[in-house]
Amino acid sequence: MSGHDPFELHLDRNTANYVPLSPLGFLERAAEVFPERPAVVHGRQRFTWREAAARCRRLASALARRGIGVGDTVAVMCPNTPPMWEAHFGVPMTGAVLNALNVRLDAETIAFILEHGEAKALITDSEFHATIAPALKRLGRKILVIDVDDPQGPGGARLGDLDYEAFLAEGDPEFRGRRPQDEWEAISLNYTSGTTGNPKGVVYHHRGAYLNALGNVLTWGMQAHPIYLWTLPMFHCSGWCFPWTVTALAGTHVCLRRVEAGAIYQALAEEGVTHLCGAPIVMQMILGATPQQKRSFPQQVQMMTAAAPPPASVLAAMQQEGFEVTHVYGLTEVYGPAVVCAWQDDWNEKPIAAQAELKSRQGVAYPVLEELMVADPETLQPLPWDGETLGEVFMRGNIVMKGYLKNPSATDRALAGGWFHTGDLGVTHPDGYIQLKDRSKDIIISGGENISSIEVESALYRHPAVSAVAVVAKPDETWGETPCAFVELKPGAEASAEELIAFCRDNLAHYKCPRHVVFGELPKTSTGKIQKFMLREQTG
């Protein structure tokens, strides 16, 4: 045995053969190779790749001239408009970290995020002045504030030092910025929508952003130049990395300031949209469009959905409307989607209802996620692939977050044992596909029996009058807990509590059926997730 490895001898890493991975290179390539292709569309605003890249460089240059650089945070409070997209490139080009803010948060939470994330600058759409003004007051320190006055927005009071377009005019369109010296450097900071206590700041690195951007391409089988509609908020998990994905393919980003059925159909018909993402609530919106809102479109449209598992009935209806739905699953901590219900050819032979049932499973790991398993949360031992044994879902790989900003105990808990602990409960089917059964806190334990709230919700979604539903535990003296269903009916539809309970009894084991039904609009997050914690408070 010789004492050396010949494959390491005089085969050193250098700038010719090793470059830290970063999605920033996608922008330069798109601008160089397809300079005249449409890059960003927002109403009458149209930017080619040459123009879009120049705007990103101007933003980076203007920020750098104000002293923004490595280790700094730049916050952005904007809907899906060009400045929000530009920030996904312009901010990291300076070495700084992008913190895209959830536009539905209150002033107190925004102030917490600006303080905790140590924002040095804030780019804010004037629509949100009523939230941002008190948040800045609470912050109690002076930061650079830049106002965006979007021509499609409602307008609002100016709070900042200058207007966004004037700020860009300060910048150099030839500015080359800075690439990360190490791909482990942070690129973005995304706060989880905490249901209790303060939100946690999830830190993404350049390597993960690069890999998951390409993971989206592989998973979705995307071709060059997709036309992507921004129905998914860019503040949510860095827009599931799609600001970088679509750019890598020199596609077109079609901005959408407000997610409405009419605006979606207009974009499908007039812009030729080929791809969009969103929670099941966006599918409900598309399916619930009025005849006046609907427009015909010739192209096949791909939709990627996540959040709550999509009801099989909704998936079947989308297929009949001409949308090919891909079901993914992930969390903020894994750059958005990390698991996909990869489609098997022989499933095409099955009836649409059976296909939809298969498609409602979460599935298998993204090509860029190293490992996925359902395991015992105490021992981390994988559980049988029998479709029945319930365990926690664990992930590991290059698209798991760096950790939670300034929260070592939460980071250690989340990454204990060398796996990311999702907190989601599921099973593994014999074919290796996982299926979520619930969040650990959403399992209803009635008379010692575990009831999956998702299973009860899926049964109720099959009722023709039901538009949206959430099932939570209601304290019960006899059983400990029983299921309580909160139901939003379709416009013009009618159904009684007795009718829905009877419908469940025809489709579920009786102990799983709700004992109580509450009608009304359900509280939802900005990404369409139903806020069960608010409903739980009503059942106590």
Protein backbone atom coordinates (compact mmCIF):
# COMPACT_ATOMS: atom_id res chain seq x y z
CA MET A 1 0.00 0.00 0.00
CA SER A 2 1.40 3.36 -0.96
CA GLY A 3 0.79 6.18 1.43
CA HIS A 4 -0.75 8.55 -1.07
CA ASP A 5 -3.86 8.82 -3.21
CA PRO A 6 -2.80 9.35 -6.84
CA PHE A 7 -6.10 11.12 -7.55
CA GLU A 8 -5.20 13.87 -5.12
CA LEU A 9 -1.61 14.37 -6.30
CA HIS A 10 -1.11 17.60 -8.29
CA LEU A 11 -4.86 17.67 -8.96
CA ASP A 12 -5.67 20.76 -6.96
CA ARG A 13 -8.77 22.88 -6.92
CA ASN A 14 -8.34 26.25 -8.67
CA THR A 15 -10.46 28.89 -10.36
CA ALA A 16 -10.31 27.01 -13.68
CA ASN A 17 -11.98 23.88 -12.34
CA TYR A 18 -13.90 24.91 -9.24
CA VAL A 19 -16.42 27.73 -8.82
CA PRO A 20 -18.76 27.98 -5.82
CA LEU A 21 -22.32 27.20 -6.91
CA SER A 22 -24.64 30.21 -7.04
CA PRO A 23 -27.81 31.03 -8.98
CA LEU A 24 -26.36 34.48 -9.79
CA GLY A 25 -24.71 33.02 -12.88
CA PHE A 26 -28.11 32.15 -14.35
CA LEU A 27 -28.89 35.85 -14.85
CA GLU A 28 -25.66 36.62 -16.69
CA ARG A 29 -26.13 33.66 -19.01
CA ALA A 30 -29.76 34.56 -19.83
CA ALA A 31 -28.73 38.15 -20.63
CA GLU A 32 -25.77 37.11 -22.76
CA VAL A 33 -27.41 34.28 -24.71
CA PHE A 34 -31.01 35.56 -25.03
CA PRO A 35 -30.70 39.35 -24.62
CA GLU A 36 -33.87 40.23 -26.56
CA ARG A 37 -36.18 37.54 -25.16
CA PRO A 38 -38.87 38.77 -22.74
CA ALA A 39 -37.67 38.35 -19.16
CA VAL A 40 -40.18 40.16 -16.93
CA VAL A 41 -43.75 41.22 -17.74
CA HIS A 42 -45.87 43.37 -15.46
CA GLY A 43 -48.90 44.88 -17.14
CA ARG A 44 -47.50 47.33 -19.68
CA GLN A 45 -44.00 47.03 -18.28
CA ARG A 46 -41.87 44.69 -20.40
CA PHE A 47 -38.18 44.00 -19.82
CA THR A 48 -35.93 41.91 -22.04
CA TRP A 49 -33.18 39.83 -20.48
CA ARG A 50 -30.67 42.54 -21.38
CA GLU A 51 -32.79 45.17 -19.62
CA ALA A 52 -33.70 42.97 -16.64
CA ALA A 53 -30.05 42.11 -15.96
CA ALA A 54 -29.09 45.78 -16.18
CA ARG A 55 -31.77 46.67 -13.64
CA CYS A 56 -30.51 43.99 -11.23
CA ARG A 57 -26.95 45.30 -11.62
CA ARG A 58 -28.12 48.87 -11.01
CA LEU A 59 -29.87 47.75 -7.82
CA ALA A 60 -26.73 45.95 -6.63
CA SER A 61 -24.52 48.93 -7.50
CA ALA A 62 -26.81 51.44 -5.76
CA LEU A 63 -26.93 49.27 -2.61
CA ALA A 64 -23.16 48.78 -2.64
CA ARG A 65 -22.63 52.56 -2.92
CA ARG A 66 -24.73 52.94 0.23
CA GLY A 67 -22.38 50.56 2.06
CA ILE A 68 -24.47 47.37 1.77
CA GLY A 69 -22.31 44.25 1.51
CA VAL A 70 -21.31 40.91 3.01
CA GLY A 71 -23.13 40.12 6.25
CA ASP A 72 -25.83 42.74 5.71
CA THR A 73 -29.55 42.11 5.29
CA VAL A 74 -31.83 43.87 2.81
CA ALA A 75 -35.57 43.46 3.49
CA VAL A 76 -38.22 43.75 0.77
CA MET A 77 -41.94 44.29 1.34
CA CYS A 78 -43.49 43.94 -2.10
CA PRO A 79 -46.06 41.80 -3.89
CA ASN A 80 -45.00 39.85 -6.99
CA THR A 81 -43.76 42.85 -8.98
CA PRO A 82 -40.47 43.49 -10.86
CA PRO A 83 -38.65 45.04 -7.84
CA MET A 84 -39.31 41.87 -5.81
CA TRP A 85 -37.87 39.71 -8.59
CA GLU A 86 -34.91 42.07 -9.13
CA ALA A 87 -34.05 41.86 -5.42
CA HIS A 88 -33.49 38.08 -5.77
CA PHE A 89 -30.44 38.91 -7.88
CA GLY A 90 -29.50 42.49 -7.02
CA VAL A 91 -29.26 41.94 -3.26
CA PRO A 92 -27.03 38.81 -3.30
CA MET A 93 -24.85 40.42 -6.02
CA THR A 94 -23.58 42.74 -3.27
CA GLY A 95 -22.82 39.81 -0.93
CA ALA A 96 -25.82 40.79 1.21
CA VAL A 97 -28.75 38.54 2.18
CA LEU A 98 -32.30 39.03 0.90
CA ASN A 99 -35.13 39.00 3.46
CA ALA A 100 -38.43 38.99 1.55
CA LEU A 101 -41.24 39.91 3.94
CA ASN A 102 -44.71 38.37 4.07
CA VAL A 103 -46.92 41.29 3.02
CA ARG A 104 -49.79 40.10 5.23
CA LEU A 105 -47.93 40.33 8.52
CA ASP A 106 -48.77 42.98 11.11
CA ALA A 107 -46.52 45.88 12.09
CA GLU A 108 -45.37 44.22 15.32
CA THR A 109 -44.18 41.07 13.54
CA ILE A 110 -42.54 43.07 10.73
CA ALA A 111 -40.69 45.14 13.34
CA PHE A 112 -39.52 41.93 15.04
CA ILE A 113 -38.21 40.54 11.71
CA LEU A 114 -36.43 43.78 10.76
CA GLU A 115 -34.77 43.87 14.19
CA HIS A 116 -33.96 40.15 14.43
CA GLY A 117 -32.66 39.99 10.85
CA GLU A 118 -30.67 43.23 11.39
CA ALA A 119 -31.98 44.81 8.17
CA LYS A 120 -29.79 47.65 6.91
CA ALA A 121 -32.19 48.63 4.13
CA LEU A 122 -35.86 48.15 3.27
CA ILE A 123 -37.47 48.28 -0.18
CA THR A 124 -41.21 48.71 0.35
CA ASP A 125 -44.26 49.05 -1.89
CA SER A 126 -46.29 52.14 -0.97
CA GLU A 127 -49.45 50.00 -0.61
CA PHE A 128 -48.09 48.75 2.71
CA HIS A 129 -47.33 52.15 4.26
CA ALA A 130 -49.93 51.63 7.00
CA THR A 131 -48.03 48.54 8.23
CA ILE A 132 -44.49 49.69 7.54
CA ALA A 133 -44.77 53.16 9.16
CA PRO A 134 -45.51 51.82 12.68
CA ALA A 135 -43.05 48.93 12.15
CA LEU A 136 -40.24 51.42 11.44
CA LYS A 137 -41.28 53.43 14.48
CA ARG A 138 -41.08 50.30 16.65
CA LEU A 139 -37.69 49.46 15.17
CA GLY A 140 -36.31 52.61 16.73
CA ARG A 141 -33.25 52.90 14.49
CA LYS A 142 -32.70 54.58 11.15
CA ILE A 143 -32.37 52.33 8.10
CA LEU A 144 -32.31 53.09 4.39
CA VAL A 145 -35.93 52.98 3.13
CA ILE A 146 -36.71 52.91 -0.61
CA ASP A 147 -40.32 53.34 -1.79
CA VAL A 148 -41.76 51.42 -4.72
CA ASP A 149 -44.59 53.21 -6.48
CA ASP A 150 -45.99 50.46 -8.68
CA PRO A 151 -48.18 51.78 -11.53
CA GLN A 152 -50.57 48.87 -10.93
CA GLY A 153 -50.75 49.44 -7.17
CA PRO A 154 -53.24 51.53 -5.17
CA GLY A 155 -50.54 53.96 -4.07
CA GLY A 156 -49.87 55.14 -0.56
CA ALA A 157 -47.77 57.43 1.61
CA ARG A 158 -44.04 57.63 0.87
CA LEU A 159 -41.94 56.67 3.86
CA GLY A 160 -38.48 56.45 2.43
CA ASP A 161 -35.38 58.34 1.47
CA LEU A 162 -36.11 58.02 -2.25
CA ASP A 163 -38.15 56.28 -4.92
CA TYR A 164 -37.06 52.86 -6.26
CA GLU A 165 -36.61 54.01 -9.87
CA ALA A 166 -34.55 57.01 -8.70
CA PHE A 167 -32.48 54.62 -6.58
CA LEU A 168 -31.83 52.37 -9.61
CA ALA A 169 -30.77 55.45 -11.58
CA GLU A 170 -27.92 55.89 -9.05
CA GLY A 171 -26.56 52.45 -9.95
CA ASP A 172 -24.17 51.30 -12.66
CA PRO A 173 -25.79 48.96 -15.26
CA GLU A 174 -22.35 47.38 -15.87
CA PHE A 175 -21.73 46.61 -12.19
CA ARG A 176 -20.53 43.02 -11.89
CA GLY A 177 -21.01 42.70 -8.17
CA ARG A 178 -19.59 39.93 -6.06
CA ARG A 179 -19.94 36.17 -6.35
CA PRO A 180 -19.76 34.10 -3.17
CA GLN A 181 -16.28 32.94 -2.24
CA ASP A 182 -17.89 29.93 -0.54
CA GLU A 183 -21.18 28.40 -1.68
CA TRP A 184 -22.13 27.98 2.00
CA GLU A 185 -22.55 31.78 2.21
CA ALA A 186 -26.11 32.89 2.93
CA ILE A 187 -28.26 34.11 0.03
CA SER A 188 -31.64 34.63 1.68
CA LEU A 189 -33.44 34.77 5.01
CA ASN A 190 -37.02 33.47 5.10
CA TYR A 191 -39.12 33.72 8.24
CA THR A 192 -41.52 30.89 8.96
CA SER A 193 -45.10 31.89 9.65
CA GLY A 194 -44.93 30.88 13.29
CA THR A 195 -48.28 29.88 14.74
CA THR A 196 -47.03 30.42 18.28
CA GLY A 197 -44.32 32.81 19.45
CA ASN A 198 -42.03 34.72 17.13
CA PRO A 199 -41.30 33.44 13.62
CA LYS A 200 -37.95 31.70 13.05
CA GLY A 201 -35.49 32.98 10.44
CA VAL A 202 -34.53 30.19 8.04
CA VAL A 203 -31.16 30.79 6.33
CA TYR A 204 -30.57 29.55 2.75
CA HIS A 205 -27.12 29.26 1.14
CA HIS A 206 -26.07 29.81 -2.49
CA ARG A 207 -25.43 26.09 -3.00
CA GLY A 208 -28.94 25.06 -1.94
CA ALA A 209 -30.56 27.85 -3.96
CA TYR A 210 -28.63 26.78 -7.08
CA LEU A 211 -29.43 23.09 -6.60
CA ASN A 212 -33.12 23.46 -5.85
CA ALA A 213 -33.55 25.88 -8.75
CA LEU A 214 -32.28 23.10 -11.03
CA GLY A 215 -34.18 20.48 -9.01
CA ASN A 216 -37.39 22.24 -10.09
CA VAL A 217 -36.34 21.91 -13.75
CA LEU A 218 -35.63 18.19 -13.40
CA THR A 219 -38.71 17.43 -11.34
CA TRP A 220 -41.11 19.28 -13.62
CA GLY A 221 -39.41 18.29 -16.89
CA MET A 222 -39.23 21.99 -17.82
CA GLN A 223 -38.11 23.00 -21.31
CA ALA A 224 -36.24 26.17 -22.25
CA HIS A 225 -38.15 29.48 -22.13
CA PRO A 226 -41.17 28.61 -19.94
CA ILE A 227 -43.70 31.38 -19.40
CA TYR A 228 -44.17 31.38 -15.64
CA LEU A 229 -47.05 33.11 -13.84
CA TRP A 230 -46.28 34.41 -10.35
CA THR A 231 -49.31 33.15 -8.41
CA LEU A 232 -47.01 31.90 -5.62
CA PRO A 233 -45.70 34.71 -3.37
CA MET A 234 -41.99 35.36 -3.93
CA PHE A 235 -41.69 35.99 -0.19
CA HIS A 236 -42.61 32.34 0.44
CA CYS A 237 -39.46 30.13 0.54
CA SER A 238 -37.76 32.46 -1.97
CA GLY A 239 -40.67 31.74 -4.32
CA TRP A 240 -39.81 28.00 -4.11
CA CYS A 241 -36.55 29.04 -5.85
CA PHE A 242 -38.46 29.81 -9.08
CA PRO A 243 -36.99 33.35 -9.44
CA TRP A 244 -33.75 31.45 -10.15
CA THR A 245 -35.31 28.43 -11.93
CA VAL A 246 -37.11 30.42 -14.63
CA THR A 247 -34.03 32.61 -15.09
CA ALA A 248 -31.82 29.53 -15.58
CA LEU A 249 -34.10 28.61 -18.50
CA ALA A 250 -34.26 32.20 -19.84
CA GLY A 251 -38.03 32.00 -19.48
CA THR A 252 -40.48 34.82 -18.89
CA HIS A 253 -41.59 35.92 -15.41
CA VAL A 254 -45.20 37.14 -15.63
CA CYS A 255 -45.83 39.19 -12.49
CA LEU A 256 -49.20 39.14 -10.76
CA ARG A 257 -49.80 41.76 -8.14
CA ARG A 258 -53.03 40.16 -6.94
CA VAL A 259 -53.99 36.52 -7.24
CA GLU A 260 -57.50 36.56 -8.68
CA ALA A 261 -59.29 34.13 -10.99
CA GLY A 262 -59.87 36.74 -13.72
CA ALA A 263 -56.24 37.87 -13.70
CA ILE A 264 -55.01 34.26 -13.87
CA TYR A 265 -57.21 33.44 -16.88
CA GLN A 266 -56.20 36.71 -18.56
CA ALA A 267 -52.52 35.79 -18.21
CA LEU A 268 -53.17 32.26 -19.53
CA ALA A 269 -54.95 33.65 -22.58
CA GLU A 270 -52.89 36.79 -23.33
CA GLU A 271 -49.37 35.92 -22.13
CA GLY A 272 -49.41 32.22 -23.08
CA VAL A 273 -48.50 31.12 -19.55
CA THR A 274 -47.19 27.54 -19.42
CA HIS A 275 -46.38 27.10 -15.70
CA LEU A 276 -47.66 28.30 -12.34
CA CYS A 277 -47.46 27.26 -8.69
CA GLY A 278 -49.73 27.61 -5.71
CA ALA A 279 -51.54 26.07 -2.78
CA PRO A 280 -54.77 24.11 -3.35
CA ILE A 281 -56.62 27.38 -2.63
CA VAL A 282 -55.35 28.70 -6.01
CA MET A 283 -56.78 25.60 -7.72
CA GLN A 284 -60.10 26.26 -5.97
CA MET A 285 -59.94 29.83 -7.28
CA ILE A 286 -59.33 28.63 -10.86
CA LEU A 287 -62.13 26.05 -10.63
CA GLY A 288 -64.50 28.58 -9.05
CA ALA A 289 -64.04 31.21 -11.78
CA THR A 290 -67.24 32.69 -13.19
CA PRO A 291 -68.05 32.37 -16.92
CA GLN A 292 -67.15 36.07 -17.25
CA GLN A 293 -63.69 35.48 -15.73
CA LYS A 294 -62.86 32.36 -17.73
CA ARG A 295 -60.87 32.63 -20.97
CA SER A 296 -59.95 29.87 -23.38
CA PHE A 297 -56.26 29.11 -23.96
CA PRO A 298 -54.72 26.63 -26.40
CA GLN A 299 -51.56 25.65 -24.48
CA GLN A 300 -51.16 22.82 -21.99
CA VAL A 301 -50.62 24.41 -18.56
CA GLN A 302 -48.52 22.81 -15.83
CA MET A 303 -49.38 23.59 -12.23
CA MET A 304 -47.30 22.67 -9.22
CA THR A 305 -49.17 22.55 -5.94
CA ALA A 306 -48.19 22.07 -2.31
CA ALA A 307 -49.24 23.14 1.23
CA ALA A 308 -52.26 21.12 2.32
CA PRO A 309 -52.51 17.79 0.47
CA PRO A 310 -54.78 18.48 -2.51
CA PRO A 311 -58.16 16.72 -2.33
CA ALA A 312 -58.47 14.05 -5.03
CA SER A 313 -61.74 15.64 -6.24
CA VAL A 314 -59.96 18.96 -6.90
CA LEU A 315 -57.11 17.25 -8.78
CA ALA A 316 -59.61 15.43 -10.99
CA ALA A 317 -61.48 18.67 -11.74
CA MET A 318 -58.22 20.49 -12.64
CA GLN A 319 -57.30 17.72 -15.09
CA GLN A 320 -60.67 18.11 -16.79
CA GLU A 321 -60.06 21.89 -17.09
CA GLY A 322 -56.78 21.34 -18.97
CA PHE A 323 -54.26 21.74 -16.12
CA GLU A 324 -51.65 19.05 -15.55
CA VAL A 325 -51.07 19.13 -11.78
CA THR A 326 -47.81 18.05 -10.15
CA HIS A 327 -48.03 17.56 -6.40
CA VAL A 328 -44.95 18.50 -4.36
CA TYR A 329 -44.24 18.77 -0.66
CA GLY A 330 -41.68 20.68 1.31
CA LEU A 331 -41.16 23.28 4.00
CA THR A 332 -39.47 26.64 4.34
CA GLU A 333 -36.52 24.77 5.90
CA VAL A 334 -35.88 22.83 2.65
CA TYR A 335 -36.06 25.69 0.08
CA GLY A 336 -39.73 24.99 -0.65
CA PRO A 337 -40.52 21.81 -2.62
CA ALA A 338 -38.23 18.85 -1.89
CA VAL A 339 -40.55 15.87 -2.45
CA VAL A 340 -42.64 15.11 -5.56
CA CYS A 341 -45.34 12.66 -6.47
CA ALA A 342 -43.32 11.42 -9.47
CA TRP A 343 -45.74 10.08 -12.05
CA GLN A 344 -45.55 6.45 -13.19
CA ASP A 345 -46.56 5.64 -16.78
CA ASP A 346 -48.82 2.75 -15.84
CA TRP A 347 -50.93 5.08 -13.68
CA ASN A 348 -52.25 6.62 -16.93
CA GLU A 349 -54.36 3.49 -17.45
CA LYS A 350 -56.29 4.10 -14.25
CA PRO A 351 -59.58 6.06 -14.05
CA ILE A 352 -59.18 9.79 -13.32
CA ALA A 353 -60.45 9.39 -9.74
CA ALA A 354 -57.85 6.69 -9.04
CA GLN A 355 -55.13 8.81 -10.68
CA ALA A 356 -56.12 11.74 -8.47
CA GLU A 357 -55.97 9.52 -5.38
CA LEU A 358 -52.40 8.50 -6.29
CA LYS A 359 -51.45 12.09 -7.07
CA SER A 360 -52.60 13.30 -3.66
CA ARG A 361 -49.67 11.43 -2.06
CA GLN A 362 -46.54 13.49 -1.36
CA GLY A 363 -44.20 11.03 -3.07
CA VAL A 364 -40.44 10.64 -3.34
CA ALA A 365 -37.33 12.80 -2.89
CA TYR A 366 -36.40 15.52 -5.41
CA PRO A 367 -33.29 14.54 -7.40
CA VAL A 368 -31.35 17.14 -5.38
CA LEU A 369 -32.53 15.91 -1.95
CA GLU A 370 -30.21 13.20 -0.69
CA GLU A 371 -32.54 11.15 1.51
CA LEU A 372 -36.16 11.03 2.62
CA MET A 373 -37.68 8.66 5.16
CA VAL A 374 -40.57 8.04 7.53
CA ALA A 375 -39.01 6.96 10.82
CA ASP A 376 -39.47 6.63 14.55
CA PRO A 377 -38.85 10.16 15.92
CA GLU A 378 -36.99 8.80 18.97
CA THR A 379 -34.69 6.21 17.39
CA LEU A 380 -34.56 7.54 13.77
CA GLN A 381 -35.12 3.95 12.63
CA PRO A 382 -36.99 3.74 9.28
CA LEU A 383 -40.49 2.29 9.58
CA PRO A 384 -42.06 -0.45 7.40
CA TRP A 385 -43.23 0.41 3.89
CA ASP A 386 -46.74 -0.83 4.59
CA GLY A 387 -48.83 2.32 4.07
CA GLU A 388 -49.99 2.07 7.68
CA THR A 389 -47.17 2.54 10.21
CA LEU A 390 -47.20 6.19 11.21
CA GLY A 391 -43.93 8.03 11.82
CA GLU A 392 -42.24 11.39 11.37
CA VAL A 393 -40.95 12.53 7.97
CA PHE A 394 -37.18 13.18 7.90
CA MET A 395 -34.97 14.66 5.17
CA ARG A 396 -31.30 15.31 4.59
CA GLY A 397 -29.18 16.75 1.82
CA ASN A 398 -27.92 19.92 0.19
CA ILE A 399 -31.32 21.62 0.14
CA VAL A 400 -31.75 21.59 3.90
CA MET A 401 -31.32 25.05 5.47
CA LYS A 402 -28.13 26.25 7.14
CA GLY A 403 -30.26 26.64 10.27
CA TYR A 404 -32.35 29.21 12.14
CA LEU A 405 -30.77 32.65 12.48
CA LYS A 406 -29.55 33.37 16.01
CA ASN A 407 -31.48 30.39 17.39
CA PRO A 408 -28.99 27.60 18.12
CA SER A 409 -31.33 25.53 20.30
CA ALA A 410 -34.05 25.40 17.61
CA THR A 411 -31.41 24.63 14.96
CA ASP A 412 -29.98 21.78 17.04
CA ARG A 413 -33.45 20.32 17.62
CA ALA A 414 -34.41 20.55 13.95
CA LEU A 415 -31.18 18.92 12.73
CA ALA A 416 -30.66 16.44 15.58
CA GLY A 417 -29.13 13.10 14.62
CA GLY A 418 -28.02 14.33 11.21
CA TRP A 419 -31.57 14.58 9.82
CA PHE A 420 -34.01 17.46 9.40
CA HIS A 421 -37.07 16.79 11.58
CA THR A 422 -40.12 18.04 9.64
CA GLY A 423 -42.69 17.59 12.42
CA ASP A 424 -45.00 16.06 9.80
CA LEU A 425 -46.44 12.59 10.32
CA GLY A 426 -46.86 10.14 7.48
CA VAL A 427 -46.57 6.61 6.16
CA THR A 428 -44.50 4.98 3.43
CA HIS A 429 -46.45 2.96 0.88
CA PRO A 430 -45.06 -0.34 -0.46
CA ASP A 431 -43.88 1.48 -3.62
CA GLY A 432 -41.73 3.84 -1.51
CA TYR A 433 -44.00 6.89 -1.89
CA ILE A 434 -44.68 8.73 1.34
CA GLN A 435 -48.05 10.15 2.29
CA LEU A 436 -48.63 12.73 5.00
CA LYS A 437 -51.25 11.92 7.56
CA ASP A 438 -50.91 15.07 9.64
CA ARG A 439 -48.78 17.54 11.48
CA SER A 440 -47.94 15.95 14.82
CA LYS A 441 -50.02 18.65 16.52
CA ASP A 442 -53.02 18.06 14.22
CA ILE A 443 -53.62 14.38 15.00
CA ILE A 444 -56.92 14.02 16.87
CA ILE A 445 -56.84 11.40 19.62
CA SER A 446 -60.39 10.28 20.31
CA GLY A 447 -60.98 7.49 22.81
CA GLY A 448 -57.36 6.42 22.36
CA GLU A 449 -57.73 6.18 18.55
CA ASN A 450 -55.63 8.40 16.28
CA ILE A 451 -57.71 10.29 13.71
CA SER A 452 -56.02 12.02 10.78
CA SER A 453 -57.61 15.42 10.24
CA ILE A 454 -56.48 15.19 6.58
CA GLU A 455 -58.50 12.01 6.06
CA VAL A 456 -61.66 13.64 7.42
CA GLU A 457 -61.05 16.77 5.34
CA SER A 458 -60.59 14.67 2.17
CA ALA A 459 -63.97 13.01 2.78
CA LEU A 460 -65.71 16.39 3.23
CA TYR A 461 -64.03 17.85 0.11
CA ARG A 462 -65.87 15.20 -1.92
CA HIS A 463 -69.20 16.80 -1.01
CA PRO A 464 -70.32 18.99 -3.93
CA ALA A 465 -71.24 21.98 -1.74
CA VAL A 466 -67.89 22.23 0.07
CA SER A 467 -65.32 24.79 -1.09
CA ALA A 468 -62.82 24.63 1.79
CA VAL A 469 -62.62 22.68 5.02
CA ALA A 470 -60.44 22.32 8.11
CA VAL A 471 -60.85 19.72 10.82
CA VAL A 472 -59.43 20.25 14.30
CA ALA A 473 -59.76 18.59 17.70
CA LYS A 474 -62.54 19.75 19.99
CA PRO A 475 -62.18 18.85 23.69
CA ASP A 476 -64.74 16.22 24.74
CA GLU A 477 -65.45 14.99 28.28
CA THR A 478 -66.12 11.41 27.18
CA TRP A 479 -63.64 10.88 24.33
CA GLY A 480 -60.91 13.37 25.21
CA GLU A 481 -61.15 14.91 21.74
CA THR A 482 -63.54 14.65 18.81
CA PRO A 483 -63.25 16.06 15.28
CA CYS A 484 -64.79 19.49 14.64
CA ALA A 485 -65.17 20.58 11.00
CA PHE A 486 -64.99 24.21 9.90
CA VAL A 487 -66.56 24.46 6.45
CA GLU A 488 -66.65 27.15 3.76
CA LEU A 489 -69.40 26.46 1.21
CA LYS A 490 -69.22 27.22 -2.50
CA PRO A 491 -71.04 30.44 -3.55
CA GLY A 492 -74.78 29.72 -3.79
CA ALA A 493 -74.42 26.20 -2.36
CA GLU A 494 -76.32 24.95 0.66
CA ALA A 495 -75.68 22.13 3.12
CA SER A 496 -76.60 21.52 6.74
CA ALA A 497 -74.35 20.20 9.49
CA GLU A 498 -76.49 17.06 9.68
CA GLU A 499 -76.12 16.46 5.93
CA LEU A 500 -72.30 16.78 6.06
CA ILE A 501 -71.98 14.53 9.10
CA ALA A 502 -74.18 11.90 7.40
CA PHE A 503 -72.03 12.23 4.25
CA CYS A 504 -68.92 11.52 6.34
CA ARG A 505 -70.58 8.52 7.97
CA ASP A 506 -71.13 7.06 4.50
CA ASN A 507 -67.44 7.46 3.67
CA LEU A 508 -65.51 7.01 6.94
CA ALA A 509 -65.42 4.89 10.05
CA HIS A 510 -68.00 6.47 12.34
CA TYR A 511 -65.55 7.36 15.12
CA LYS A 512 -63.63 9.53 12.63
CA CYS A 513 -66.66 11.64 11.68
CA PRO A 514 -67.05 15.20 12.97
CA ARG A 515 -69.48 15.69 15.83
CA HIS A 516 -69.68 19.45 15.16
CA VAL A 517 -69.72 21.52 11.96
CA VAL A 518 -69.13 25.30 11.92
CA PHE A 519 -69.88 27.26 8.74
CA GLY A 520 -68.08 30.42 7.62
CA GLU A 521 -65.02 31.77 5.85
CA LEU A 522 -61.80 30.05 6.96
CA PRO A 523 -58.77 32.08 8.11
CA LYS A 524 -55.90 31.58 5.66
CA THR A 525 -52.26 32.60 5.42
CA SER A 526 -50.96 34.59 2.45
CA THR A 527 -49.95 31.31 0.80
CA GLY A 528 -53.41 29.80 1.14
CA LYS A 529 -52.79 27.54 4.13
CA ILE A 530 -55.73 27.37 6.49
CA GLN A 531 -54.73 28.69 9.91
CA LYS A 532 -55.83 25.82 12.11
CA PHE A 533 -54.43 27.38 15.28
CA MET A 534 -57.07 30.13 15.00
CA LEU A 535 -59.78 27.50 14.62
CA ARG A 536 -58.47 25.51 17.60
CA GLU A 537 -58.88 28.61 19.74
CA GLN A 538 -62.60 28.63 18.84
CA THR A 539 -63.13 25.01 19.96
CA GLY A 540 -61.72 25.33 23.46
